[in-house]
Protein backbone atom coordinates (compact mmCIF):
# COMPACT_ATOMS: atom_id res chain seq x y z
CA MET A 1 0.23 0.16 0.26
CA ALA A 2 1.86 3.03 -1.44
CA THR A 3 1.60 5.62 1.92
CA PHE A 4 1.02 9.55 1.44
CA ALA A 5 4.71 10.78 1.03
CA GLN A 6 5.28 8.05 -2.46
CA TYR A 7 2.15 9.77 -3.95
CA GLN A 8 3.44 13.49 -2.99
CA VAL A 9 7.02 12.06 -4.57
CA GLU A 10 5.08 10.74 -8.11
CA HIS A 11 3.01 13.79 -8.14
CA GLU A 12 6.32 16.05 -8.71
CA GLN A 13 7.87 14.16 -11.08
CA ILE A 14 4.35 14.09 -12.97
CA ARG A 15 4.43 17.84 -12.67
CA GLN A 16 8.49 17.20 -13.70
CA GLN A 17 7.58 15.81 -16.93
CA HIS A 18 4.88 18.37 -17.52
CA LEU A 19 6.82 21.12 -17.29
CA ALA A 20 9.68 19.37 -19.16
CA LEU A 21 6.85 18.57 -22.36
CA GLU A 22 5.05 22.05 -22.20
CA ALA A 23 8.73 23.22 -22.90
CA LEU A 24 9.75 21.42 -25.54
CA HIS A 25 6.21 22.27 -26.57
CA ALA A 26 7.49 26.05 -26.95
CA ARG A 27 10.49 25.48 -28.63
CA ARG A 28 8.51 23.55 -31.33
CA PHE A 29 6.42 26.71 -32.23
CA ALA A 30 9.62 28.73 -31.57
CA LEU A 31 11.18 26.66 -34.61
CA VAL A 32 8.36 26.87 -36.89
CA ASP A 33 7.64 30.73 -36.02
CA LEU A 34 12.00 31.34 -36.64
CA LEU A 35 11.63 29.15 -40.01
CA GLU A 36 8.38 31.33 -41.36
CA GLN A 37 10.45 34.35 -40.83
CA ILE A 38 13.01 32.97 -42.94
CA GLU A 39 10.66 32.53 -45.46
CA ARG A 40 9.09 36.07 -45.31
CA ALA A 41 12.54 37.14 -45.40
CA VAL A 42 13.71 35.34 -48.39
CA PRO A 43 13.24 37.60 -51.52
CA GLU A 44 12.33 36.10 -55.43
CA GLY A 45 15.56 35.67 -56.58
CA VAL A 46 17.64 34.05 -53.80
CA HIS A 47 17.91 30.93 -52.71
CA LEU A 48 19.07 29.60 -50.05
CA ALA A 49 20.98 26.25 -49.43
CA THR A 50 21.88 26.01 -45.87
CA VAL A 51 20.35 27.28 -42.62
CA THR A 52 22.24 26.34 -39.49
CA ARG A 53 21.95 27.10 -35.78
CA GLN A 54 24.23 27.30 -33.08
CA GLY A 55 22.67 28.75 -30.14
CA GLN A 56 21.68 32.31 -30.45
CA ARG A 57 23.17 32.27 -34.13
CA LEU A 58 22.06 31.34 -38.01
CA ASN A 59 24.59 30.72 -40.44
CA ILE A 60 23.18 31.16 -44.00
CA SER A 61 24.26 30.22 -47.04
CA GLY A 62 22.95 30.80 -50.74
CA VAL A 63 22.77 32.25 -54.22
CA ALA A 64 21.03 35.20 -55.33
CA HIS A 65 21.11 36.61 -59.21
CA SER A 66 22.19 39.70 -57.65
CA GLY A 67 24.05 41.55 -55.02
CA GLY A 68 20.72 43.91 -55.02
CA LEU A 69 19.20 41.16 -53.52
CA VAL A 70 21.54 39.64 -51.07
CA ALA A 71 21.20 43.20 -49.86
CA GLN A 72 17.48 43.39 -49.76
CA LEU A 73 18.00 39.45 -47.91
CA LEU A 74 20.08 41.21 -45.42
CA ARG A 75 18.64 44.06 -44.36
CA THR A 76 14.97 42.07 -44.34
CA LEU A 77 16.98 39.43 -41.74
CA ALA A 78 18.30 42.18 -39.92
CA ASP A 79 14.44 43.99 -39.23
CA ALA A 80 13.38 40.30 -38.46
CA PHE A 81 15.98 39.00 -36.20
CA GLY A 82 18.75 41.53 -35.59
CA GLU A 83 22.15 41.65 -36.54
CA VAL A 84 23.27 40.93 -39.71
CA ASP A 85 27.05 40.52 -41.26
CA ARG A 86 28.36 39.18 -44.53
CA GLN A 87 30.90 36.82 -43.98
CA GLN A 88 31.27 35.91 -47.41
CA MET A 89 30.06 36.70 -51.15
CA LYS A 90 31.20 36.23 -54.08
CA ALA A 91 30.46 36.09 -58.25
CA VAL A 92 29.44 32.76 -59.48
CA ALA A 93 27.57 31.77 -62.85
CA GLU A 94 24.38 31.58 -61.20
CA GLY A 95 24.63 35.02 -59.75
CA GLU A 96 26.29 35.75 -56.30
CA ALA A 97 26.86 33.33 -53.55
CA PHE A 98 26.52 34.21 -49.93
CA GLU A 99 27.31 33.36 -46.83
CA LEU A 100 25.64 35.33 -43.58
CA GLY A 101 25.55 35.54 -40.02
CA VAL A 102 22.29 36.52 -38.20
CA ALA A 103 21.96 37.16 -34.30
CA LEU A 104 18.98 36.01 -33.44
CA ARG A 105 17.90 38.27 -30.42
CA GLY A 106 14.74 37.14 -27.93
CA MET A 107 14.64 33.37 -29.60
CA PRO A 108 14.44 30.50 -26.96
């Protein structure tokens, strides 16, 4: 027969599991929101090759039809997320290949 203390321990374990699930659920929505913001920021004529996240930083690479489109992408990302820096840009047959870094603000 379980004692009241055992029930309290089990209740606390269930409560901790519930809190962990809520945190995972919140992070899932944050990821979806992040991807939607990236999608809205990318102008037509820009094709992303990779998007990686390391902590509070996104690293993005891709190809744009022109340098002006890369500049537009930089401005839009800066408005959406925060500080953006162009790490590399070079002319290629398809247009301009680029690598960007984005400092995320307020993202879990």
